[in-house]
Amino acid sequence: MIYRLAIDCFHATTEVEQIFEQFRQDRLLGKSRIALRPGGLGAAIEHYHDNATPPLVIVEDNGDQGGLLERLGRLAEVCVAGSRVLVIGHVNDIEIYRNLLSRGVSEYFVAPVSAKQLLGAVESLFSDRASAPRGRLVVFFGARGGAGSSTLAHNVAWSLSKATGEEMILLDLDLAFGTVGLAFNVEARQTVGELLGEPERIDAQLLDRILVKYDDCLQLLPSPSELRSWPPIEVEAVDKLLDLTRQMAPLVLVDLPHLWAPWIAHALERADDLIIVAQPDLPNLRDAKALLDEVGQRRGADAPTHLVLNKLDSYKKTQLSAKDFEETLKVKPALCLPFDPIFGEASNNGQMLGEAAKTHKLVDPIRQLALLVAHRGPTVAPRRTPAGEMFSSWLKKAKLVK
């Protein structure tokens, strides 16, 4: 199965529209989001002036050779980095085929084309593990046990699924005391503990069978929550699990247990966004600093670390302030949450905060944090990227675009 592709298909004729529909129904694309749009190449140019291009765009053009090259030049101007383009044309000319491939088009088909041909091209482009689209990895970790990182991870995942409508996966890697199954009131088909104990069994088909579907967007992989001697977790097993889930969803959220091991440090370093949750006291400040000192330098500049202060005002006389944390850690808290029994009430009912109290004052701050760490801000017009500049520069050298 080709996982988690977003594909836009622009058809100019009824015949190609029918082919696109057959292509969309193929079982190998069952996890992909495929949009069919009329208007062909011209409509694609207009659409991407105001929308970002997905990883793959398939366009039909029924114009002449010169017009095709000129229109592709305009499409290149609005391409975003990493997007690939398949073109279906009505000009059967080996020279135009060579020209298009040399100018960055991934494949050119002469109509009529079959759904099988399109699928074969997609498989060749994305079946390779290195070239497959990879979702963002967001990791939650408590500076100390009981800081509330698991509760925050659950609520952020739920908020994102409601706010974005995108597919995401929540992994509970706390084998002994994980609470994803309890919090969402679901029964696991098979737990993450069994997978990590036998990493050779982990593959996309197995994961697809055992992930628990919570709603249309959110899938869960609960922990066993059993007090027994689990086999040591290897870094390679965690890597394999994270790589596969990131191919299956645009966003993967991981709730890590509060312990220290090589695989924990590795997951913290790999995270695209790391959320450290701390209570406002001295032991949490000390441990948060130790965490940042240990893994902060090994995380890239484009991999932010966010600090969340939780359970404020539960001990007003002895708590440290957000300013104390900011001055010591050189990280400004992204969110400060007061202690509120509403979280316990929601948990007892197997609900998230947004379900138990839709109008509660903390619902929106958690939603804003969710959008921040998932990089789902306000929609902006796509910027011209190096990929698009390169594509258009080739056309300019050929004097096909002014």
Protein backbone atom coordinates (compact mmCIF):
# COMPACT_ATOMS: atom_id res chain seq x y z
CA MET A 1 0.00 0.00 0.00
CA ILE A 2 1.22 3.49 -0.85
CA TYR A 3 0.61 5.40 2.37
CA ARG A 4 -0.51 8.94 3.05
CA LEU A 5 -0.09 10.72 -0.24
CA ALA A 6 -1.94 13.91 -1.03
CA ILE A 7 -2.57 14.06 -4.78
CA ASP A 8 -4.33 16.72 -6.84
CA CYS A 9 -5.57 15.59 -10.27
CA PHE A 10 -6.62 18.26 -12.80
CA HIS A 11 -8.50 16.92 -15.82
CA ALA A 12 -9.36 18.76 -19.02
CA THR A 13 -11.41 16.01 -20.72
CA THR A 14 -14.15 13.61 -19.62
CA GLU A 15 -12.04 10.61 -20.63
CA VAL A 16 -9.19 11.54 -18.32
CA GLU A 17 -11.63 12.40 -15.53
CA GLN A 18 -12.90 8.79 -15.69
CA ILE A 19 -9.32 7.50 -15.55
CA PHE A 20 -8.64 9.66 -12.52
CA GLU A 21 -11.71 8.21 -10.81
CA GLN A 22 -10.46 4.65 -11.44
CA PHE A 23 -7.04 5.68 -10.17
CA ARG A 24 -8.54 7.11 -6.97
CA GLN A 25 -10.43 3.86 -6.25
CA ASP A 26 -7.33 1.65 -6.37
CA ARG A 27 -6.78 -0.18 -3.08
CA LEU A 28 -3.08 0.71 -3.06
CA LEU A 29 -4.09 4.34 -2.59
CA GLY A 30 -6.61 3.60 0.15
CA LYS A 31 -4.78 5.78 2.69
CA SER A 32 -4.15 8.65 0.29
CA ARG A 33 -6.16 11.86 -0.14
CA ILE A 34 -6.91 12.35 -3.83
CA ALA A 35 -8.75 15.41 -5.12
CA LEU A 36 -10.20 15.54 -8.65
CA ARG A 37 -10.51 19.03 -10.12
CA PRO A 38 -11.69 20.22 -13.54
CA GLY A 39 -9.88 22.69 -15.77
CA GLY A 40 -6.59 20.97 -16.54
CA LEU A 41 -3.24 22.72 -16.33
CA GLY A 42 -4.73 26.21 -16.45
CA ALA A 43 -6.91 25.51 -13.42
CA ALA A 44 -3.89 24.11 -11.55
CA ILE A 45 -1.99 27.36 -12.06
CA GLU A 46 -4.88 29.41 -10.69
CA HIS A 47 -5.49 27.04 -7.78
CA TYR A 48 -1.89 27.12 -6.54
CA HIS A 49 -1.70 30.89 -6.50
CA ASP A 50 -3.67 30.65 -3.24
CA ASN A 51 -3.01 27.06 -2.10
CA ALA A 52 0.12 25.05 -1.36
CA THR A 53 0.92 22.22 -3.76
CA PRO A 54 0.71 18.65 -2.38
CA PRO A 55 3.53 16.11 -2.84
CA LEU A 56 2.09 15.06 -6.22
CA VAL A 57 0.18 16.96 -8.91
CA ILE A 58 -1.19 15.22 -12.01
CA VAL A 59 -2.36 17.61 -14.73
CA GLU A 60 -3.92 17.13 -18.13
CA ASP A 61 -3.28 19.66 -20.88
CA ASN A 62 -4.99 19.47 -24.25
CA GLY A 63 -3.25 22.45 -25.85
CA ASP A 64 -0.42 22.65 -28.38
CA GLN A 65 3.26 22.05 -27.67
CA GLY A 66 4.30 25.69 -27.29
CA GLY A 67 1.37 26.48 -25.03
CA LEU A 68 2.14 23.46 -22.85
CA LEU A 69 5.69 24.58 -22.13
CA GLU A 70 4.58 28.14 -21.42
CA ARG A 71 1.85 26.96 -19.03
CA LEU A 72 4.24 24.63 -17.23
CA GLY A 73 6.54 27.58 -16.73
CA ARG A 74 3.73 29.42 -14.98
CA LEU A 75 2.96 26.34 -12.87
CA ALA A 76 6.61 26.22 -11.82
CA GLU A 77 6.29 29.72 -10.42
CA VAL A 78 3.79 28.54 -7.79
CA CYS A 79 5.28 25.11 -7.01
CA VAL A 80 6.38 24.44 -3.43
CA ALA A 81 9.52 22.50 -2.56
CA GLY A 82 9.30 18.74 -2.94
CA SER A 83 6.19 18.64 -5.14
CA ARG A 84 6.30 16.39 -8.19
CA VAL A 85 4.36 16.81 -11.41
CA LEU A 86 2.99 14.21 -13.82
CA VAL A 87 1.68 15.60 -17.11
CA ILE A 88 -0.90 14.04 -19.42
CA GLY A 89 -0.75 15.66 -22.85
CA HIS A 90 -2.15 15.21 -26.32
CA VAL A 91 1.07 15.87 -28.24
CA ASN A 92 2.94 12.69 -29.20
CA ASP A 93 6.45 14.02 -29.74
CA ILE A 94 9.67 12.52 -28.38
CA GLU A 95 11.31 15.94 -28.26
CA ILE A 96 8.67 17.43 -25.99
CA TYR A 97 8.93 14.34 -23.80
CA ARG A 98 12.67 14.86 -23.40
CA ASN A 99 12.27 18.59 -22.86
CA LEU A 100 9.72 18.11 -20.10
CA LEU A 101 11.78 15.52 -18.25
CA SER A 102 14.88 17.70 -18.48
CA ARG A 103 12.91 20.61 -17.02
CA GLY A 104 11.82 18.82 -13.87
CA VAL A 105 8.56 17.08 -14.87
CA SER A 106 8.56 13.61 -13.32
CA GLU A 107 6.70 11.87 -16.16
CA TYR A 108 4.84 12.71 -19.37
CA PHE A 109 2.00 10.53 -20.69
CA VAL A 110 0.34 10.84 -24.07
CA ALA A 111 -3.44 10.47 -23.85
CA PRO A 112 -5.17 8.05 -23.71
CA VAL A 113 -3.60 6.91 -20.44
CA SER A 114 -4.71 4.15 -18.07
CA ALA A 115 -5.14 4.17 -14.30
CA LYS A 116 -2.58 1.36 -14.14
CA GLN A 117 0.02 3.54 -15.85
CA LEU A 118 -0.57 6.36 -13.39
CA LEU A 119 -0.35 3.98 -10.44
CA GLY A 120 2.92 2.56 -11.74
CA ALA A 121 4.40 6.06 -11.99
CA VAL A 122 3.29 6.90 -8.45
CA GLU A 123 4.76 3.67 -7.10
CA SER A 124 8.10 4.37 -8.75
CA LEU A 125 8.18 7.89 -7.27
CA PHE A 126 7.06 7.17 -3.71
CA SER A 127 7.43 3.49 -2.85
CA ASP A 128 11.06 4.05 -1.90
CA ARG A 129 11.27 4.63 1.86
CA ALA A 130 13.60 7.62 1.50
CA SER A 131 11.33 9.46 -0.96
CA ALA A 132 7.99 8.73 0.72
CA PRO A 133 6.27 11.68 2.39
CA ARG A 134 6.98 11.73 6.10
CA GLY A 135 4.68 13.15 8.75
CA ARG A 136 5.80 15.47 11.52
CA LEU A 137 6.89 13.84 14.78
CA VAL A 138 5.72 15.55 17.97
CA VAL A 139 7.03 14.08 21.25
CA PHE A 140 5.70 14.77 24.77
CA PHE A 141 7.95 14.23 27.79
CA GLY A 142 7.53 15.15 31.46
CA ALA A 143 10.40 16.85 33.26
CA ARG A 144 9.36 14.71 36.22
CA GLY A 145 6.77 11.99 36.74
CA GLY A 146 3.29 13.34 37.30
CA ALA A 147 3.88 16.61 35.46
CA GLY A 148 0.91 15.89 33.20
CA SER A 149 2.60 15.23 29.84
CA SER A 150 0.29 12.30 29.04
CA THR A 151 -2.88 14.28 29.69
CA LEU A 152 -1.54 17.12 27.55
CA ALA A 153 -0.60 14.71 24.74
CA HIS A 154 -4.11 13.23 24.72
CA ASN A 155 -5.82 16.63 24.64
CA VAL A 156 -3.49 18.04 21.99
CA ALA A 157 -4.11 15.02 19.74
CA TRP A 158 -7.87 15.30 20.18
CA SER A 159 -7.84 19.07 19.60
CA LEU A 160 -5.80 18.72 16.43
CA SER A 161 -8.06 16.04 15.00
CA LYS A 162 -11.04 18.36 15.47
CA ALA A 163 -9.30 21.55 14.34
CA THR A 164 -7.51 20.30 11.20
CA GLY A 165 -9.50 17.30 9.97
CA GLU A 166 -6.18 15.61 9.09
CA GLU A 167 -5.17 12.06 9.87
CA MET A 168 -2.87 11.56 12.85
CA ILE A 169 -1.57 8.78 15.07
CA LEU A 170 -1.03 8.88 18.84
CA LEU A 171 1.50 6.36 20.19
CA ASP A 172 1.67 5.44 23.87
CA LEU A 173 5.18 4.13 24.60
CA ASP A 174 4.75 3.81 28.36
CA LEU A 175 4.54 0.02 28.50
CA ALA A 176 3.84 -0.27 32.23
CA PHE A 177 1.70 2.76 33.04
CA GLY A 178 0.39 4.12 29.73
CA THR A 179 -3.07 5.70 29.75
CA VAL A 180 -4.08 6.22 26.09
CA GLY A 181 -6.49 3.27 26.14
CA LEU A 182 -8.01 4.41 29.43
CA ALA A 183 -8.23 8.09 28.45
CA PHE A 184 -9.97 7.42 25.14
CA ASN A 185 -11.97 4.46 26.46
CA VAL A 186 -10.77 2.04 23.75
CA GLU A 187 -9.68 -1.58 23.70
CA ALA A 188 -6.39 -2.40 22.01
CA ARG A 189 -6.26 -5.16 19.39
CA GLN A 190 -2.55 -5.55 20.01
CA THR A 191 -0.29 -3.29 22.03
CA VAL A 192 2.89 -1.42 21.25
CA GLY A 193 4.73 -3.53 23.81
CA GLU A 194 4.30 -6.67 21.73
CA LEU A 195 5.53 -4.85 18.61
CA LEU A 196 8.65 -3.40 20.20
CA GLY A 197 9.50 -6.78 21.70
CA GLU A 198 9.54 -8.34 18.21
CA PRO A 199 10.73 -5.56 15.87
CA GLU A 200 11.17 -7.97 12.96
CA ARG A 201 7.36 -8.26 12.83
CA ILE A 202 6.76 -4.53 12.48
CA ASP A 203 5.50 -3.60 9.04
CA ALA A 204 2.90 -1.25 7.58
CA GLN A 205 0.28 -3.95 7.08
CA LEU A 206 0.49 -5.11 10.69
CA LEU A 207 0.29 -1.54 11.99
CA ASP A 208 -2.71 -0.83 9.79
CA ARG A 209 -4.53 -3.79 11.35
CA ILE A 210 -3.82 -3.04 14.99
CA LEU A 211 -4.18 0.75 15.11
CA VAL A 212 -7.41 1.65 16.91
CA LYS A 213 -9.58 4.11 15.01
CA TYR A 214 -10.96 6.66 17.47
CA ASP A 215 -12.68 8.94 14.96
CA ASP A 216 -12.35 9.89 11.29
CA CYS A 217 -8.91 11.46 11.89
CA LEU A 218 -7.32 10.07 15.04
CA GLN A 219 -5.83 6.58 15.35
CA LEU A 220 -4.36 5.20 18.57
CA LEU A 221 -1.72 2.65 19.46
CA PRO A 222 -2.24 2.01 23.19
CA SER A 223 0.31 0.58 25.58
CA PRO A 224 -0.27 -2.75 27.39
CA SER A 225 -0.17 -1.03 30.83
CA GLU A 226 1.01 -4.27 32.39
CA LEU A 227 3.50 -4.66 35.25
CA ARG A 228 5.69 -7.37 33.88
CA SER A 229 9.25 -7.79 32.65
CA TRP A 230 9.26 -6.47 29.12
CA PRO A 231 12.23 -7.21 26.82
CA PRO A 232 14.64 -4.29 26.57
CA ILE A 233 13.50 -1.79 23.94
CA GLU A 234 16.07 -1.29 21.20
CA VAL A 235 16.67 2.00 19.41
CA GLU A 236 16.28 0.24 16.05
CA ALA A 237 12.80 -1.02 16.98
CA VAL A 238 11.62 2.47 17.97
CA ASP A 239 13.13 3.91 14.79
CA LYS A 240 11.26 1.39 12.65
CA LEU A 241 7.96 2.10 14.41
CA LEU A 242 8.35 5.86 14.06
CA ASP A 243 9.39 5.67 10.40
CA LEU A 244 6.40 3.54 9.44
CA THR A 245 3.83 5.58 11.33
CA ARG A 246 5.22 8.79 9.82
CA GLN A 247 4.52 7.33 6.38
CA MET A 248 0.96 6.52 7.42
CA ALA A 249 -0.13 9.93 8.75
CA PRO A 250 0.83 13.58 8.33
CA LEU A 251 1.28 13.87 12.09
CA VAL A 252 2.51 11.38 14.70
CA LEU A 253 2.31 12.26 18.39
CA VAL A 254 4.28 10.22 20.93
CA ASP A 255 3.71 10.03 24.67
CA LEU A 256 7.00 8.94 26.25
CA PRO A 257 7.30 7.47 29.77
CA HIS A 258 9.33 9.30 32.40
CA LEU A 259 12.46 7.16 32.43
CA TRP A 260 15.90 7.44 30.90
CA ALA A 261 17.22 4.98 28.32
CA PRO A 262 19.01 5.21 24.95
CA TRP A 263 15.75 4.82 23.03
CA ILE A 264 14.14 7.65 25.02
CA ALA A 265 17.03 10.00 24.27
CA HIS A 266 16.89 8.98 20.62
CA ALA A 267 13.16 9.72 20.34
CA LEU A 268 13.66 13.12 21.98
CA GLU A 269 16.41 13.98 19.50
CA ARG A 270 14.38 12.83 16.49
CA ALA A 271 11.28 14.84 17.32
CA ASP A 272 10.37 17.62 14.91
CA ASP A 273 8.75 19.33 17.90
CA LEU A 274 9.53 18.42 21.50
CA ILE A 275 7.14 19.40 24.31
CA ILE A 276 8.63 19.29 27.81
CA VAL A 277 5.96 19.50 30.51
CA ALA A 278 6.98 20.70 33.96
CA GLN A 279 5.36 21.68 37.22
CA PRO A 280 6.45 25.05 38.67
CA ASP A 281 8.84 23.82 41.37
CA LEU A 282 12.58 23.48 41.85
CA PRO A 283 12.96 19.74 41.05
CA ASN A 284 11.11 20.23 37.76
CA LEU A 285 13.28 23.24 36.91
CA ARG A 286 16.43 21.24 37.62
CA ASP A 287 15.31 18.27 35.52
CA ALA A 288 14.05 20.42 32.65
CA LYS A 289 17.47 22.07 32.51
CA ALA A 290 19.19 18.69 32.53
CA LEU A 291 17.01 17.58 29.61
CA LEU A 292 17.73 20.67 27.57
CA ASP A 293 21.46 20.40 28.29
CA GLU A 294 21.48 16.73 27.28
CA VAL A 295 19.42 16.72 24.08
CA GLY A 296 19.04 20.38 23.14
CA GLN A 297 22.39 20.71 21.39
CA ARG A 298 21.80 17.60 19.30
CA ARG A 299 18.47 18.87 17.98
CA GLY A 300 18.58 20.98 14.84
CA ALA A 301 17.72 24.67 14.72
CA ASP A 302 14.56 23.80 12.77
CA ALA A 303 13.39 21.40 15.52
CA PRO A 304 11.92 23.60 18.27
CA THR A 305 11.54 22.65 21.91
CA HIS A 306 8.43 23.96 23.69
CA LEU A 307 8.06 24.28 27.44
CA VAL A 308 4.65 23.89 29.09
CA LEU A 309 4.19 24.78 32.75
CA ASN A 310 1.37 22.74 34.22
CA LYS A 311 -0.63 22.75 37.47
CA LEU A 312 0.14 26.35 38.36
CA ASP A 313 -1.25 27.71 41.62
CA SER A 314 -1.69 24.31 43.23
CA TYR A 315 0.93 25.49 45.78
CA LYS A 316 0.94 29.25 45.36
CA LYS A 317 3.29 30.06 48.23
CA THR A 318 6.11 27.79 47.11
CA GLN A 319 5.82 27.64 43.32
CA LEU A 320 8.37 29.17 40.96
CA SER A 321 7.24 31.65 38.34
CA ALA A 322 7.26 31.36 34.56
CA LYS A 323 9.96 34.04 34.60
CA ASP A 324 12.18 31.83 36.79
CA PHE A 325 11.95 29.06 34.20
CA GLU A 326 12.54 31.40 31.28
CA GLU A 327 15.63 33.00 32.84
CA THR A 328 17.16 29.66 33.81
CA LEU A 329 16.31 27.62 30.71
CA LYS A 330 16.42 30.45 28.14
CA VAL A 331 13.11 29.08 26.85
CA LYS A 332 9.89 31.04 27.15
CA PRO A 333 6.96 28.83 28.21
CA ALA A 334 4.65 28.23 25.27
CA LEU A 335 1.73 27.59 27.61
CA CYS A 336 1.01 27.97 31.33
CA LEU A 337 -1.87 25.83 32.58
CA PRO A 338 -3.39 26.36 36.04
CA PHE A 339 -4.34 23.42 38.19
CA ASP A 340 -7.96 22.56 37.43
CA PRO A 341 -9.97 19.52 38.57
CA ILE A 342 -11.84 19.59 35.24
CA PHE A 343 -9.07 17.41 33.76
CA GLY A 344 -9.71 14.72 36.36
CA GLU A 345 -13.46 14.89 35.82
CA ALA A 346 -13.03 14.49 32.06
CA SER A 347 -10.58 11.62 32.51
CA ASN A 348 -12.95 9.74 34.81
CA ASN A 349 -15.55 9.85 32.04
CA GLY A 350 -13.14 8.77 29.30
CA GLN A 351 -13.33 12.22 27.69
CA MET A 352 -11.06 15.01 26.60
CA LEU A 353 -11.41 18.52 27.99
CA GLY A 354 -13.06 19.76 24.79
CA GLU A 355 -15.69 17.03 25.07
CA ALA A 356 -16.42 17.40 28.77
CA ALA A 357 -16.52 21.22 28.81
CA LYS A 358 -16.60 22.76 25.33
CA THR A 359 -16.65 26.34 26.62
CA HIS A 360 -14.01 25.94 29.33
CA LYS A 361 -11.36 28.68 29.36
CA LEU A 362 -8.51 26.16 28.83
CA VAL A 363 -9.92 24.60 25.65
CA ASP A 364 -8.67 27.36 23.35
CA PRO A 365 -5.12 27.64 24.82
CA ILE A 366 -4.64 23.89 24.36
CA ARG A 367 -5.96 24.17 20.81
CA GLN A 368 -3.50 26.98 20.08
CA LEU A 369 -0.62 24.89 21.43
CA ALA A 370 -1.77 22.00 19.26
CA LEU A 371 -1.74 24.16 16.12
CA LEU A 372 1.66 25.57 17.09
CA VAL A 373 3.45 22.25 17.50
CA ALA A 374 1.81 20.79 14.41
CA HIS A 375 2.77 23.89 12.40
CA ARG A 376 -0.83 24.42 11.36
CA GLY A 377 -1.04 28.20 11.39
CA PRO A 378 -3.15 30.54 9.22
CA THR A 379 -3.14 29.62 5.53
CA VAL A 380 -0.80 31.80 3.53
CA ALA A 381 -0.13 32.03 -0.17
CA PRO A 382 2.65 29.59 -1.15
CA ARG A 383 6.02 31.19 -1.53
CA ARG A 384 8.15 30.60 -4.56
CA THR A 385 10.58 27.86 -3.65
CA PRO A 386 13.98 26.78 -4.92
CA ALA A 387 12.32 23.86 -6.73
CA GLY A 388 9.96 26.20 -8.52
CA GLU A 389 12.74 28.68 -9.27
CA MET A 390 14.89 25.96 -10.78
CA PHE A 391 12.02 24.68 -12.93
CA SER A 392 11.16 28.17 -14.21
CA SER A 393 14.81 29.11 -14.75
CA TRP A 394 15.23 26.22 -17.19
CA LEU A 395 12.23 27.46 -19.12
CA LYS A 396 13.60 31.02 -19.10
CA LYS A 397 16.91 29.85 -20.53
CA ALA A 398 14.96 28.20 -23.31
CA LYS A 399 13.27 31.63 -23.84
CA LEU A 400 9.84 30.08 -23.30
CA VAL A 401 8.98 32.22 -20.28
CA LYS A 402 9.61 35.96 -19.95
